[in-house]
N, C-alpha and C. Protein backbone atom coordinates (compact mmCIF):
# COMPACT_ATOMS: atom_id res chain seq x y z
N UNK A 1 0.91 -1.02 -0.02
CA UNK A 1 -0.01 0.14 0.05
C UNK A 1 0.85 1.20 0.15
N UNK A 2 2.00 1.14 -0.08
CA UNK A 2 3.04 2.30 -0.16
C UNK A 2 2.95 3.06 -1.37
N UNK A 3 2.28 2.53 -2.40
CA UNK A 3 2.45 3.11 -3.76
C UNK A 3 1.20 3.99 -3.90
N UNK A 4 0.25 4.01 -3.06
CA UNK A 4 -1.00 4.85 -3.04
C UNK A 4 -0.58 6.21 -2.68
N UNK A 5 -1.35 7.34 -3.24
CA UNK A 5 -1.19 8.49 -2.67
C UNK A 5 -1.62 8.84 -1.24
N UNK A 6 -1.15 9.66 -0.61
CA UNK A 6 -1.48 10.04 0.81
C UNK A 6 -2.88 10.28 0.93
N UNK A 7 -3.48 10.71 0.16
CA UNK A 7 -5.10 11.02 0.38
C UNK A 7 -5.79 9.72 0.34
N UNK A 8 -5.32 8.97 -0.40
CA UNK A 8 -5.97 7.59 -0.33
C UNK A 8 -5.76 6.94 0.64
N UNK A 9 -4.43 6.76 1.16
CA UNK A 9 -4.05 6.25 2.53
C UNK A 9 -4.83 6.69 3.67
N UNK A 10 -4.95 7.97 3.72
CA UNK A 10 -5.74 8.64 4.83
C UNK A 10 -7.29 8.24 4.76
N UNK A 11 -7.70 8.45 3.46
CA UNK A 11 -9.12 7.98 3.40
C UNK A 11 -9.24 6.42 3.71
N UNK A 12 -8.49 5.66 3.31
CA UNK A 12 -8.50 4.24 3.72
C UNK A 12 -8.56 4.14 5.34
N UNK A 13 -7.75 4.80 5.86
CA UNK A 13 -7.27 4.70 7.38
C UNK A 13 -8.56 5.52 8.06
N UNK A 14 -9.07 6.35 7.54
CA UNK A 14 -10.39 6.70 8.00
C UNK A 14 -11.52 5.86 7.80
N UNK A 15 -11.72 5.21 6.78
CA UNK A 15 -12.92 4.23 6.68
C UNK A 15 -12.68 3.04 7.45
N UNK A 16 -11.43 2.26 7.32
CA UNK A 16 -11.34 1.06 8.00
C UNK A 16 -10.43 1.14 9.39
N UNK A 17 -9.84 2.44 9.57
CA UNK A 17 -9.20 2.43 10.87
C UNK A 17 -7.99 1.74 10.95
N UNK A 18 -7.28 1.34 12.01
CA UNK A 18 -6.14 0.74 12.33
C UNK A 18 -6.15 -0.66 11.69
N UNK A 19 -4.97 -1.08 11.72
CA UNK A 19 -4.98 -2.57 11.33
C UNK A 19 -5.93 -3.53 12.35
N UNK A 20 -6.17 -4.61 11.98
CA UNK A 20 -6.85 -5.37 12.74
C UNK A 20 -6.08 -5.88 13.83
N UNK A 21 -6.76 -6.03 15.08
CA UNK A 21 -5.78 -6.31 16.37
C UNK A 21 -5.32 -7.73 15.99
N UNK A 22 -4.04 -7.83 16.57
CA UNK A 22 -3.60 -9.23 16.56
C UNK A 22 -4.03 -10.08 17.68
N UNK A 23 -4.30 -11.43 17.23
CA UNK A 23 -5.04 -12.23 18.11
C UNK A 23 -3.81 -13.34 18.46
N UNK A 24 -3.99 -14.26 19.40
CA UNK A 24 -3.21 -15.26 19.56
C UNK A 24 -4.10 -16.60 19.92
N UNK A 25 -3.56 -17.60 19.74
CA UNK A 25 -4.21 -18.73 19.97
C UNK A 25 -4.35 -19.24 21.56
N UNK A 26 -5.41 -19.19 21.98
CA UNK A 26 -5.55 -19.35 23.47
C UNK A 26 -5.30 -20.83 23.92
N UNK A 27 -5.00 -21.69 22.93
CA UNK A 27 -4.72 -22.88 23.36
C UNK A 27 -3.27 -23.26 22.38
N UNK A 28 -2.31 -22.26 22.61
CA UNK A 28 -1.21 -22.56 21.74
C UNK A 28 -0.37 -23.86 21.99
N UNK A 29 -0.47 -24.42 23.48
CA UNK A 29 0.11 -25.78 23.77
C UNK A 29 -0.87 -26.67 23.18
N UNK A 30 -1.93 -26.70 22.46
CA UNK A 30 -2.64 -27.73 21.99
C UNK A 30 -3.85 -28.16 22.83
N UNK A 31 -3.97 -27.60 24.02
CA UNK A 31 -5.08 -27.74 24.85
C UNK A 31 -4.82 -28.72 25.90
N UNK A 32 -5.65 -29.02 26.65
CA UNK A 32 -5.40 -30.05 27.65
C UNK A 32 -5.12 -31.39 27.36
N UNK A 33 -4.68 -32.32 28.21
CA UNK A 33 -4.47 -33.72 27.73
C UNK A 33 -6.01 -34.31 27.29
N UNK A 34 -7.10 -33.94 27.91
CA UNK A 34 -8.24 -34.56 27.66
C UNK A 34 -8.77 -34.08 26.39
N UNK A 35 -8.51 -32.84 25.93
CA UNK A 35 -8.98 -32.27 24.73
C UNK A 35 -8.13 -32.78 23.56
N UNK A 36 -7.06 -33.09 23.95
CA UNK A 36 -6.22 -33.70 22.82
C UNK A 36 -6.59 -35.04 22.35
N UNK A 37 -6.94 -35.86 23.63
CA UNK A 37 -7.58 -37.31 23.51
C UNK A 37 -8.98 -37.11 22.78
N UNK A 38 -9.69 -36.15 23.24
CA UNK A 38 -11.07 -36.11 22.53
C UNK A 38 -10.79 -35.88 20.99
N UNK A 39 -9.87 -34.94 20.60
CA UNK A 39 -9.55 -34.85 19.11
C UNK A 39 -9.08 -35.86 18.54
N UNK A 40 -8.36 -36.81 19.12
CA UNK A 40 -7.57 -37.93 18.66
C UNK A 40 -8.87 -38.93 18.45
N UNK A 41 -9.72 -38.89 19.26
CA UNK A 41 -10.81 -39.89 19.14
C UNK A 41 -11.66 -39.44 17.95
N UNK A 42 -11.92 -38.24 17.73
CA UNK A 42 -12.62 -37.71 16.62
C UNK A 42 -12.06 -38.06 15.43
N UNK A 43 -10.72 -37.90 15.30
CA UNK A 43 -9.94 -38.13 14.06
C UNK A 43 -10.01 -39.48 13.83
N UNK A 44 -9.81 -40.42 14.84
CA UNK A 44 -9.71 -41.79 14.53
C UNK A 44 -11.12 -42.22 14.19
N UNK A 45 -12.32 -41.80 14.73
CA UNK A 45 -13.60 -42.18 14.06
C UNK A 45 -13.61 -41.68 12.89
N UNK A 46 -13.38 -40.71 12.28
CA UNK A 46 -13.52 -40.06 11.12
C UNK A 46 -12.53 -41.11 10.04
N UNK A 47 -11.43 -41.42 10.20
CA UNK A 47 -10.48 -42.26 9.62
C UNK A 47 -11.21 -43.61 9.54
N UNK A 48 -11.75 -44.29 10.53
CA UNK A 48 -12.54 -45.54 10.60
C UNK A 48 -13.64 -45.55 9.65
N UNK A 49 -14.43 -44.24 9.43
CA UNK A 49 -15.68 -44.36 8.98
C UNK A 49 -15.64 -43.69 7.64
N UNK A 50 -14.31 -43.62 6.99
CA UNK A 50 -14.30 -42.91 6.04
C UNK A 50 -14.77 -43.87 4.71
N UNK A 51 -15.50 -43.31 3.97
CA UNK A 51 -15.96 -44.13 2.61
C UNK A 51 -14.92 -44.93 1.73
N UNK A 52 -15.10 -46.12 1.25
CA UNK A 52 -13.81 -46.67 0.35
C UNK A 52 -13.61 -45.88 -0.84
N UNK A 53 -14.42 -45.17 -1.36
CA UNK A 53 -14.03 -44.14 -2.42
C UNK A 53 -13.28 -42.88 -2.30
N UNK A 54 -12.95 -42.73 -0.96
CA UNK A 54 -12.20 -41.69 -0.44
C UNK A 54 -10.70 -42.30 -0.09
N UNK A 55 -10.48 -43.43 -0.49
CA UNK A 55 -8.90 -43.97 -0.53
C UNK A 55 -8.57 -44.09 0.79
């Protein structure tokens, strides 16, 4: 956006404001052990229940 004229950049800043706030993953560590086990169980179920035409 550096190639835009100052007037355009000011107008964009006026309309859209600052950059979106940065967020972080609340569970950056992958969640608790029970959450990981639940996710593994769900994945296992999906793999076992996969239709044959999905290889």
